[in-house]
PDB file of N, CA and C in Angstrom:
ATOM      1  N   MET A   1      68.247  67.442  84.109  1.00  0.00           N
ATOM      2  CA  MET A   1      67.856  68.362  85.212  1.00  0.00           C
ATOM      3  C   MET A   1      67.157  67.698  86.303  1.00  0.00           C
ATOM      4  N   SER A   2      66.239  66.748  85.955  1.00  0.00           N
ATOM      5  CA  SER A   2      65.482  66.076  87.016  1.00  0.00           C
ATOM      6  C   SER A   2      66.317  65.209  87.962  1.00  0.00           C
ATOM      7  N   TRP A   3      67.403  64.594  87.307  1.00  0.00           N
ATOM      8  CA  TRP A   3      68.293  63.820  88.213  1.00  0.00           C
ATOM      9  C   TRP A   3      69.152  64.697  89.139  1.00  0.00           C
ATOM     10  N   MET A   4      69.470  65.891  88.653  1.00  0.00           N
ATOM     11  CA  MET A   4      70.220  66.814  89.533  1.00  0.00           C
ATOM     12  C   MET A   4      69.281  67.274  90.662  1.00  0.00           C
ATOM     13  N   ALA A   5      67.988  67.511  90.383  1.00  0.00           N
ATOM     14  CA  ALA A   5      66.975  67.919  91.435  1.00  0.00           C
ATOM     15  C   ALA A   5      66.977  66.731  92.387  1.00  0.00           C
ATOM     16  N   LEU A   6      66.918  65.483  91.919  1.00  0.00           N
ATOM     17  CA  LEU A   6      66.803  64.318  92.798  1.00  0.00           C
ATOM     18  C   LEU A   6      68.054  64.161  93.687  1.00  0.00           C
ATOM     19  N   ILE A   7      69.201  64.434  93.094  1.00  0.00           N
ATOM     20  CA  ILE A   7      70.407  64.378  93.923  1.00  0.00           C
ATOM     21  C   ILE A   7      70.345  65.383  95.039  1.00  0.00           C
ATOM     22  N   ALA A   8      69.961  66.681  94.630  1.00  0.00           N
ATOM     23  CA  ALA A   8      69.849  67.785  95.676  1.00  0.00           C
ATOM     24  C   ALA A   8      68.819  67.381  96.694  1.00  0.00           C
ATOM     25  N   ALA A   9      67.739  66.709  96.267  1.00  0.00           N
ATOM     26  CA  ALA A   9      66.743  66.283  97.250  1.00  0.00           C
ATOM     27  C   ALA A   9      67.303  65.306  98.318  1.00  0.00           C
ATOM     28  N   GLY A  10      68.102  64.407  97.750  1.00  0.00           N
ATOM     29  CA  GLY A  10      68.807  63.373  98.638  1.00  0.00           C
ATOM     30  C   GLY A  10      69.741  63.979  99.535  1.00  0.00           C
ATOM     31  N   LEU A  11      70.558  64.989  98.969  1.00  0.00           N
ATOM     32  CA  LEU A  11      71.449  65.636  99.896  1.00  0.00           C
ATOM     33  C   LEU A  11      70.797  66.434 100.985  1.00  0.00           C
ATOM     34  N   PHE A  12      69.696  67.120 100.657  1.00  0.00           N
ATOM     35  CA  PHE A  12      68.952  67.807 101.740  1.00  0.00           C
ATOM     36  C   PHE A  12      68.280  66.866 102.700  1.00  0.00           C
ATOM     37  N   GLU A  13      67.931  65.713 102.259  1.00  0.00           N
ATOM     38  CA  GLU A  13      67.361  64.646 103.103  1.00  0.00           C
ATOM     39  C   GLU A  13      68.407  64.236 104.078  1.00  0.00           C
ATOM     40  N   MET A  14      69.669  64.027 103.654  1.00  0.00           N
ATOM     41  CA  MET A  14      70.824  63.623 104.475  1.00  0.00           C
ATOM     42  C   MET A  14      70.981  64.774 105.540  1.00  0.00           C
ATOM     43  N   PHE A  15      70.990  65.983 105.098  1.00  0.00           N
ATOM     44  CA  PHE A  15      71.144  67.120 105.994  1.00  0.00           C
ATOM     45  C   PHE A  15      70.125  67.166 107.084  1.00  0.00           C
ATOM     46  N   GLY A  16      68.765  66.944 106.622  1.00  0.00           N
ATOM     47  CA  GLY A  16      67.651  67.000 107.614  1.00  0.00           C
ATOM     48  C   GLY A  16      67.782  65.845 108.616  1.00  0.00           C
ATOM     49  N   VAL A  17      68.224  64.693 108.158  1.00  0.00           N
ATOM     50  CA  VAL A  17      68.409  63.574 109.170  1.00  0.00           C
ATOM     51  C   VAL A  17      69.606  63.899 110.161  1.00  0.00           C
ATOM     52  N   THR A  18      70.600  64.437 109.539  1.00  0.00           N
ATOM     53  CA  THR A  18      71.750  64.890 110.443  1.00  0.00           C
ATOM     54  C   THR A  18      71.246  65.866 111.573  1.00  0.00           C
ATOM     55  N   MET A  19      70.452  66.741 111.097  1.00  0.00           N
ATOM     56  CA  MET A  19      69.966  67.847 111.992  1.00  0.00           C
ATOM     57  C   MET A  19      68.965  67.277 113.000  1.00  0.00           C
ATOM     58  N   ILE A  20      68.282  66.156 112.771  1.00  0.00           N
ATOM     59  CA  ILE A  20      67.423  65.503 113.726  1.00  0.00           C
ATOM     60  C   ILE A  20      68.306  65.062 114.849  1.00  0.00           C
ATOM     61  N   ASN A  21      69.459  64.426 114.582  1.00  0.00           N
ATOM     62  CA  ASN A  21      70.394  63.979 115.620  1.00  0.00           C
ATOM     63  C   ASN A  21      70.940  65.169 116.381  1.00  0.00           C
ATOM     64  N   GLN A  22      71.286  66.293 115.634  1.00  0.00           N
ATOM     65  CA  GLN A  22      71.787  67.468 116.273  1.00  0.00           C
ATOM     66  C   GLN A  22      70.751  68.076 117.272  1.00  0.00           C
ATOM     67  N   PHE A  23      69.479  68.119 116.797  1.00  0.00           N
ATOM     68  CA  PHE A  23      68.382  68.675 117.597  1.00  0.00           C
ATOM     69  C   PHE A  23      68.220  67.891 118.878  1.00  0.00           C
ATOM     70  N   HIS A  24      68.350  66.554 118.766  1.00  0.00           N
ATOM     71  CA  HIS A  24      68.195  65.734 119.920  1.00  0.00           C
ATOM     72  C   HIS A  24      69.245  66.022 120.903  1.00  0.00           C
ATOM     73  N   LYS A  25      70.443  66.354 120.489  1.00  0.00           N
ATOM     74  CA  LYS A  25      71.612  66.653 121.432  1.00  0.00           C
ATOM     75  C   LYS A  25      71.458  68.050 122.007  1.00  0.00           C
ATOM     76  N   SER A  26      71.132  69.040 121.182  1.00  0.00           N
ATOM     77  CA  SER A  26      71.166  70.417 121.685  1.00  0.00           C
ATOM     78  C   SER A  26      69.842  71.122 121.954  1.00  0.00           C
ATOM     79  N   ARG A  27      68.762  70.753 121.359  1.00  0.00           N
ATOM     80  CA  ARG A  27      67.412  71.267 121.576  1.00  0.00           C
ATOM     81  C   ARG A  27      67.528  72.858 121.341  1.00  0.00           C
ATOM     82  N   THR A  28      68.200  73.306 120.394  1.00  0.00           N
ATOM     83  CA  THR A  28      68.235  74.752 120.090  1.00  0.00           C
ATOM     84  C   THR A  28      67.192  75.066 119.003  1.00  0.00           C
ATOM     85  N   VAL A  29      66.859  76.369 118.910  1.00  0.00           N
ATOM     86  CA  VAL A  29      66.032  76.783 117.913  1.00  0.00           C
ATOM     87  C   VAL A  29      66.781  76.727 116.549  1.00  0.00           C
ATOM     88  N   LEU A  30      67.997  77.049 116.538  1.00  0.00           N
ATOM     89  CA  LEU A  30      68.782  76.957 115.301  1.00  0.00           C
ATOM     90  C   LEU A  30      68.828  75.576 114.683  1.00  0.00           C
ATOM     91  N   SER A  31      69.044  74.520 115.537  1.00  0.00           N
ATOM     92  CA  SER A  31      69.026  73.096 114.996  1.00  0.00           C
ATOM     93  C   SER A  31      67.699  72.764 114.561  1.00  0.00           C
ATOM     94  N   LEU A  32      66.633  73.220 115.184  1.00  0.00           N
ATOM     95  CA  LEU A  32      65.289  72.986 114.792  1.00  0.00           C
ATOM     96  C   LEU A  32      65.021  73.570 113.419  1.00  0.00           C
ATOM     97  N   ILE A  33      65.434  74.804 113.239  1.00  0.00           N
ATOM     98  CA  ILE A  33      65.252  75.554 111.954  1.00  0.00           C
ATOM     99  C   ILE A  33      66.069  74.812 110.865  1.00  0.00           C
ATOM    100  N   ALA A  34      67.286  74.460 111.087  1.00  0.00           N
ATOM    101  CA  ALA A  34      68.109  73.724 110.221  1.00  0.00           C
ATOM    102  C   ALA A  34      67.365  72.419 109.676  1.00  0.00           C
ATOM    103  N   MET A  35      66.906  71.735 110.671  1.00  0.00           N
ATOM    104  CA  MET A  35      66.282  70.431 110.386  1.00  0.00           C
ATOM    105  C   MET A  35      65.060  70.656 109.463  1.00  0.00           C
ATOM    106  N   ILE A  36      64.183  71.600 109.778  1.00  0.00           N
ATOM    107  CA  ILE A  36      62.926  71.888 108.999  1.00  0.00           C
ATOM    108  C   ILE A  36      63.373  72.379 107.666  1.00  0.00           C
ATOM    109  N   THR A  37      64.357  73.225 107.560  1.00  0.00           N
ATOM    110  CA  THR A  37      64.819  73.764 106.308  1.00  0.00           C
ATOM    111  C   THR A  37      65.237  72.616 105.396  1.00  0.00           C
ATOM    112  N   GLY A  38      66.027  71.680 105.945  1.00  0.00           N
ATOM    113  CA  GLY A  38      66.643  70.576 105.197  1.00  0.00           C
ATOM    114  C   GLY A  38      65.507  69.787 104.645  1.00  0.00           C
ATOM    115  N   PHE A  39      64.443  69.459 105.399  1.00  0.00           N
ATOM    116  CA  PHE A  39      63.405  68.584 104.890  1.00  0.00           C
ATOM    117  C   PHE A  39      62.500  69.301 103.929  1.00  0.00           C
ATOM    118  N   VAL A  40      62.250  70.564 104.168  1.00  0.00           N
ATOM    119  CA  VAL A  40      61.410  71.376 103.201  1.00  0.00           C
ATOM    120  C   VAL A  40      62.169  71.349 101.860  1.00  0.00           C
ATOM    121  N   LEU A  41      63.454  71.741 101.919  1.00  0.00           N
ATOM    122  CA  LEU A  41      64.145  71.788 100.625  1.00  0.00           C
ATOM    123  C   LEU A  41      64.202  70.419  99.985  1.00  0.00           C
ATOM    124  N   SER A  42      64.313  69.320 100.725  1.00  0.00           N
ATOM    125  CA  SER A  42      64.319  68.063 100.153  1.00  0.00           C
ATOM    126  C   SER A  42      62.966  67.669  99.536  1.00  0.00           C
ATOM    127  N   PHE A  43      61.872  68.025 100.098  1.00  0.00           N
ATOM    128  CA  PHE A  43      60.614  67.764  99.388  1.00  0.00           C
ATOM    129  C   PHE A  43      60.344  68.661  98.148  1.00  0.00           C
ATOM    130  N   ILE A  44      60.890  69.918  98.174  1.00  0.00           N
ATOM    131  CA  ILE A  44      60.751  70.800  97.096  1.00  0.00           C
ATOM    132  C   ILE A  44      61.582  70.114  95.846  1.00  0.00           C
ATOM    133  N   PHE A  45      62.792  69.759  96.131  1.00  0.00           N
ATOM    134  CA  PHE A  45      63.599  69.219  94.956  1.00  0.00           C
ATOM    135  C   PHE A  45      63.068  67.863  94.522  1.00  0.00           C
ATOM    136  N   LEU A  46      62.510  67.056  95.479  1.00  0.00           N
ATOM    137  CA  LEU A  46      61.869  65.746  95.061  1.00  0.00           C
ATOM    138  C   LEU A  46      60.670  66.033  94.221  1.00  0.00           C
ATOM    139  N   SER A  47      59.913  67.062  94.464  1.00  0.00           N
ATOM    140  CA  SER A  47      58.702  67.349  93.606  1.00  0.00           C
ATOM    141  C   SER A  47      59.084  67.864  92.313  1.00  0.00           C
ATOM    142  N   ILE A  48      60.255  68.597  92.181  1.00  0.00           N
ATOM    143  CA  ILE A  48      60.686  69.023  90.965  1.00  0.00           C
ATOM    144  C   ILE A  48      61.202  67.850  90.046  1.00  0.00           C
ATOM    145  N   ALA A  49      61.854  66.871  90.733  1.00  0.00           N
ATOM    146  CA  ALA A  49      62.396  65.661  90.089  1.00  0.00           C
ATOM    147  C   ALA A  49      61.278  64.859  89.524  1.00  0.00           C
ATOM    148  N   MET A  50      60.200  64.764  90.357  1.00  0.00           N
ATOM    149  CA  MET A  50      59.047  63.866  89.982  1.00  0.00           C
ATOM    150  C   MET A  50      58.208  64.461  88.718  1.00  0.00           C
ATOM    151  N   LYS A  51      58.527  65.675  88.389  1.00  0.00           N
ATOM    152  CA  LYS A  51      57.848  66.163  87.146  1.00  0.00           C
ATOM    153  C   LYS A  51      58.176  65.366  85.918  1.00  0.00           C
ATOM    154  N   GLU A  52      59.428  64.859  85.885  1.00  0.00           N
ATOM    155  CA  GLU A  52      59.919  64.044  84.738  1.00  0.00           C
ATOM    156  C   GLU A  52      60.160  62.676  85.051  1.00  0.00           C
ATOM    157  N   LEU A  53      60.620  62.247  86.265  1.00  0.00           N
ATOM    158  CA  LEU A  53      60.958  60.869  86.617  1.00  0.00           C
ATOM    159  C   LEU A  53      59.657  60.169  87.145  1.00  0.00           C
ATOM    160  N   PRO A  54      59.726  58.864  86.950  1.00  0.00           N
ATOM    161  CA  PRO A  54      58.590  58.056  87.538  1.00  0.00           C
ATOM    162  C   PRO A  54      58.575  58.181  89.096  1.00  0.00           C
ATOM    163  N   MET A  55      57.398  58.170  89.652  1.00  0.00           N
ATOM    164  CA  MET A  55      57.283  58.316  91.093  1.00  0.00           C
ATOM    165  C   MET A  55      58.133  57.198  91.884  1.00  0.00           C
ATOM    166  N   GLY A  56      58.014  55.968  91.354  1.00  0.00           N
ATOM    167  CA  GLY A  56      58.653  54.882  92.003  1.00  0.00           C
ATOM    168  C   GLY A  56      60.156  55.010  91.992  1.00  0.00           C
ATOM    169  N   THR A  57      60.705  55.379  90.914  1.00  0.00           N
ATOM    170  CA  THR A  57      62.111  55.627  90.795  1.00  0.00           C
ATOM    171  C   THR A  57      62.643  56.732  91.613  1.00  0.00           C
ATOM    172  N   ALA A  58      61.958  57.827  91.462  1.00  0.00           N
ATOM    173  CA  ALA A  58      62.270  59.071  92.260  1.00  0.00           C
ATOM    174  C   ALA A  58      62.324  58.835  93.735  1.00  0.00           C
ATOM    175  N   TYR A  59      61.178  58.177  94.234  1.00  0.00           N
ATOM    176  CA  TYR A  59      61.111  57.871  95.701  1.00  0.00           C
ATOM    177  C   TYR A  59      62.120  56.869  96.123  1.00  0.00           C
ATOM    178  N   ALA A  60      62.379  55.884  95.378  1.00  0.00           N
ATOM    179  CA  ALA A  60      63.385  54.887  95.803  1.00  0.00           C
ATOM    180  C   ALA A  60      64.763  55.460  95.851  1.00  0.00           C
ATOM    181  N   VAL A  61      65.122  56.255  94.874  1.00  0.00           N
ATOM    182  CA  VAL A  61      66.448  56.975  94.866  1.00  0.00           C
ATOM    183  C   VAL A  61      66.558  57.877  96.065  1.00  0.00           C
ATOM    184  N   TRP A  62      65.472  58.699  96.259  1.00  0.00           N
ATOM    185  CA  TRP A  62      65.484  59.716  97.246  1.00  0.00           C
ATOM    186  C   TRP A  62      65.683  59.044  98.688  1.00  0.00           C
ATOM    187  N   THR A  63      64.821  57.953  98.919  1.00  0.00           N
ATOM    188  CA  THR A  63      64.975  57.399 100.259  1.00  0.00           C
ATOM    189  C   THR A  63      66.173  56.635 100.419  1.00  0.00           C
ATOM    190  N   GLY A  64      66.745  56.059  99.334  1.00  0.00           N
ATOM    191  CA  GLY A  64      68.000  55.255  99.391  1.00  0.00           C
ATOM    192  C   GLY A  64      69.216  56.217  99.661  1.00  0.00           C
ATOM    193  N   THR A  65      69.142  57.360  98.935  1.00  0.00           N
ATOM    194  CA  THR A  65      70.185  58.346  99.238  1.00  0.00           C
ATOM    195  C   THR A  65      70.213  58.883 100.663  1.00  0.00           C
ATOM    196  N   GLY A  66      68.991  59.143 101.174  1.00  0.00           N
ATOM    197  CA  GLY A  66      68.783  59.617 102.548  1.00  0.00           C
ATOM    198  C   GLY A  66      69.199  58.521 103.474  1.00  0.00           C
ATOM    199  N   ALA A  67      68.905  57.274 103.262  1.00  0.00           N
ATOM    200  CA  ALA A  67      69.207  56.227 104.260  1.00  0.00           C
ATOM    201  C   ALA A  67      70.741  55.902 104.191  1.00  0.00           C
ATOM    202  N   ALA A  68      71.280  55.772 103.059  1.00  0.00           N
ATOM    203  CA  ALA A  68      72.696  55.389 102.959  1.00  0.00           C
ATOM    204  C   ALA A  68      73.526  56.649 103.350  1.00  0.00           C
ATOM    205  N   GLY A  69      73.136  57.837 102.955  1.00  0.00           N
ATOM    206  CA  GLY A  69      73.894  59.062 103.328  1.00  0.00           C
ATOM    207  C   GLY A  69      73.769  59.180 104.852  1.00  0.00           C
ATOM    208  N   GLY A  70      72.684  59.068 105.425  1.00  0.00           N
ATOM    209  CA  GLY A  70      72.425  59.258 106.851  1.00  0.00           C
ATOM    210  C   GLY A  70      73.301  58.276 107.712  1.00  0.00           C
ATOM    211  N   ALA A  71      73.369  57.020 107.170  1.00  0.00           N
ATOM    212  CA  ALA A  71      74.141  56.014 107.870  1.00  0.00           C
ATOM    213  C   ALA A  71      75.689  56.380 107.789  1.00  0.00           C
ATOM    214  N   ILE A  72      76.102  56.814 106.588  1.00  0.00           N
ATOM    215  CA  ILE A  72      77.505  57.224 106.419  1.00  0.00           C
ATOM    216  C   ILE A  72      77.872  58.365 107.226  1.00  0.00           C
ATOM    217  N   LEU A  73      77.055  59.385 107.254  1.00  0.00           N
ATOM    218  CA  LEU A  73      77.233  60.590 108.090  1.00  0.00           C
ATOM    219  C   LEU A  73      77.292  60.185 109.629  1.00  0.00           C
ATOM    220  N   GLY A  74      76.399  59.291 109.972  1.00  0.00           N
ATOM    221  CA  GLY A  74      76.347  58.822 111.370  1.00  0.00           C
ATOM    222  C   GLY A  74      77.713  58.072 111.691  1.00  0.00           C
ATOM    223  N   MET A  75      78.316  57.382 110.765  1.00  0.00           N
ATOM    224  CA  MET A  75      79.557  56.732 111.020  1.00  0.00           C
ATOM    225  C   MET A  75      80.743  57.793 111.147  1.00  0.00           C
ATOM    226  N   ILE A  76      80.623  58.736 110.288  1.00  0.00           N
ATOM    227  CA  ILE A  76      81.658  59.779 110.190  1.00  0.00           C
ATOM    228  C   ILE A  76      81.639  60.835 111.406  1.00  0.00           C
ATOM    229  N   PHE A  77      80.481  61.328 111.636  1.00  0.00           N
ATOM    230  CA  PHE A  77      80.332  62.357 112.644  1.00  0.00           C
ATOM    231  C   PHE A  77      79.803  61.992 114.016  1.00  0.00           C
ATOM    232  N   PHE A  78      79.147  60.856 114.139  1.00  0.00           N
ATOM    233  CA  PHE A  78      78.558  60.563 115.410  1.00  0.00           C
ATOM    234  C   PHE A  78      78.999  59.196 115.934  1.00  0.00           C
ATOM    235  N   ASP A  79      80.144  58.703 115.434  1.00  0.00           N
ATOM    236  CA  ASP A  79      80.746  57.543 115.971  1.00  0.00           C
ATOM    237  C   ASP A  79      79.830  56.257 116.023  1.00  0.00           C
ATOM    238  N   GLU A  80      79.065  56.133 115.016  1.00  0.00           N
ATOM    239  CA  GLU A  80      78.274  54.944 114.818  1.00  0.00           C
ATOM    240  C   GLU A  80      79.015  53.755 114.360  1.00  0.00           C
ATOM    241  N   PRO A  81      78.627  52.558 114.642  1.00  0.00           N
ATOM    242  CA  PRO A  81      79.439  51.423 114.244  1.00  0.00           C
ATOM    243  C   PRO A  81      79.783  51.427 112.786  1.00  0.00           C
ATOM    244  N   LYS A  82      81.060  50.914 112.468  1.00  0.00           N
ATOM    245  CA  LYS A  82      81.590  50.932 111.117  1.00  0.00           C
ATOM    246  C   LYS A  82      81.889  49.503 110.659  1.00  0.00           C
ATOM    247  N   ASP A  83      81.190  48.510 111.143  1.00  0.00           N
ATOM    248  CA  ASP A  83      81.584  47.116 110.795  1.00  0.00           C
ATOM    249  C   ASP A  83      81.179  46.832 109.338  1.00  0.00           C
ATOM    250  N   TRP A  84      81.860  45.780 108.786  1.00  0.00           N
ATOM    251  CA  TRP A  84      81.764  45.406 107.361  1.00  0.00           C
ATOM    252  C   TRP A  84      80.282  45.124 107.013  1.00  0.00           C
ATOM    253  N   LYS A  85      79.505  44.501 107.933  1.00  0.00           N
ATOM    254  CA  LYS A  85      78.103  44.113 107.624  1.00  0.00           C
ATOM    255  C   LYS A  85      77.316  45.451 107.230  1.00  0.00           C
ATOM    256  N   ARG A  86      77.461  46.474 108.022  1.00  0.00           N
ATOM    257  CA  ARG A  86      76.853  47.700 107.737  1.00  0.00           C
ATOM    258  C   ARG A  86      77.225  48.285 106.346  1.00  0.00           C
ATOM    259  N   LEU A  87      78.517  48.234 106.111  1.00  0.00           N
ATOM    260  CA  LEU A  87      79.111  48.800 104.873  1.00  0.00           C
ATOM    261  C   LEU A  87      78.583  48.052 103.655  1.00  0.00           C
ATOM    262  N   ILE A  88      78.439  46.805 103.795  1.00  0.00           N
ATOM    263  CA  ILE A  88      77.832  45.971 102.628  1.00  0.00           C
ATOM    264  C   ILE A  88      76.345  46.343 102.438  1.00  0.00           C
ATOM    265  N   CYS A  89      75.654  46.461 103.491  1.00  0.00           N
ATOM    266  CA  CYS A  89      74.252  46.824 103.268  1.00  0.00           C
ATOM    267  C   CYS A  89      74.130  48.270 102.758  1.00  0.00           C
ATOM    268  N   ILE A  90      74.909  49.187 103.107  1.00  0.00           N
ATOM    269  CA  ILE A  90      74.880  50.568 102.542  1.00  0.00           C
ATOM    270  C   ILE A  90      75.318  50.450 101.063  1.00  0.00           C
ATOM    271  N   SER A  91      76.291  49.530 100.758  1.00  0.00           N
ATOM    272  CA  SER A  91      76.703  49.458  99.335  1.00  0.00           C
ATOM    273  C   SER A  91      75.596  48.979  98.496  1.00  0.00           C
ATOM    274  N   VAL A  92      74.721  48.032  99.059  1.00  0.00           N
ATOM    275  CA  VAL A  92      73.622  47.442  98.310  1.00  0.00           C
ATOM    276  C   VAL A  92      72.612  48.575  97.949  1.00  0.00           C
ATOM    277  N   ILE A  93      72.315  49.460  99.032  1.00  0.00           N
ATOM    278  CA  ILE A  93      71.382  50.453  98.835  1.00  0.00           C
ATOM    279  C   ILE A  93      71.861  51.396  97.693  1.00  0.00           C
ATOM    280  N   ILE A  94      73.168  51.789  97.732  1.00  0.00           N
ATOM    281  CA  ILE A  94      73.709  52.690  96.715  1.00  0.00           C
ATOM    282  C   ILE A  94      73.753  51.996  95.364  1.00  0.00           C
ATOM    283  N   ALA A  95      74.047  50.681  95.328  1.00  0.00           N
ATOM    284  CA  ALA A  95      74.075  50.051  94.025  1.00  0.00           C
ATOM    285  C   ALA A  95      72.612  50.020  93.430  1.00  0.00           C
ATOM    286  N   ALA A  96      71.605  49.800  94.249  1.00  0.00           N
ATOM    287  CA  ALA A  96      70.209  49.809  93.750  1.00  0.00           C
ATOM    288  C   ALA A  96      69.865  51.194  93.271  1.00  0.00           C
ATOM    289  N   ALA A  97      70.245  52.249  93.853  1.00  0.00           N
ATOM    290  CA  ALA A  97      69.919  53.626  93.350  1.00  0.00           C
ATOM    291  C   ALA A  97      70.657  53.881  92.073  1.00  0.00           C
ATOM    292  N   VAL A  98      71.889  53.438  91.935  1.00  0.00           N
ATOM    293  CA  VAL A  98      72.674  53.549  90.672  1.00  0.00           C
ATOM    294  C   VAL A  98      71.954  52.764  89.582  1.00  0.00           C
ATOM    295  N   GLY A  99      71.507  51.513  89.900  1.00  0.00           N
ATOM    296  CA  GLY A  99      70.823  50.696  88.934  1.00  0.00           C
ATOM    297  C   GLY A  99      69.546  51.297  88.428  1.00  0.00           C
ATOM    298  N   LEU A 100      68.784  51.897  89.322  1.00  0.00           N
ATOM    299  CA  LEU A 100      67.569  52.650  88.918  1.00  0.00           C
ATOM    300  C   LEU A 100      67.902  53.733  87.993  1.00  0.00           C
ATOM    301  N   LYS A 101      68.960  54.432  88.218  1.00  0.00           N
ATOM    302  CA  LYS A 101      69.389  55.536  87.241  1.00  0.00           C
ATOM    303  C   LYS A 101      69.760  54.884  85.902  1.00  0.00           C
ATOM    304  N   LEU A 102      70.466  53.837  85.848  1.00  0.00           N
ATOM    305  CA  LEU A 102      70.887  53.238  84.643  1.00  0.00           C
ATOM    306  C   LEU A 102      69.743  52.776  83.758  1.00  0.00           C
ATOM    307  N   ILE A 103      68.602  52.338  84.482  1.00  0.00           N
ATOM    308  CA  ILE A 103      67.603  51.720  83.615  1.00  0.00           C
ATOM    309  C   ILE A 103      66.457  52.814  83.358  1.00  0.00           C
ATOM    310  N   SER A 104      66.571  53.965  83.926  1.00  0.00           N
ATOM    311  CA  SER A 104      65.513  55.027  83.742  1.00  0.00           C
ATOM    312  C   SER A 104      65.880  55.923  82.587  1.00  0.00           C
TER     313      SER A 104
END
């Protein structure tokens, strides 16, 4: 259950980061509310996950998911660079998060 909460926290983190970009483009109340909602839900699910998971593991996976997911969403939706060096770095972040899951 705690790993599912941590995955949800990471997904909401990715949503929040995406909404930051959207808010910078449109400056609407709706995009602001979506951004705040994403981050609030992310913190709620992170706190649920941390009831059972070690803080260091939960935080590392949460930030890794947000960072890698945000970079991938930026490439898909916001035309950010897709060069092989970025993809390798994102892969390392994902591999580290999976590694933490395997040893926890």
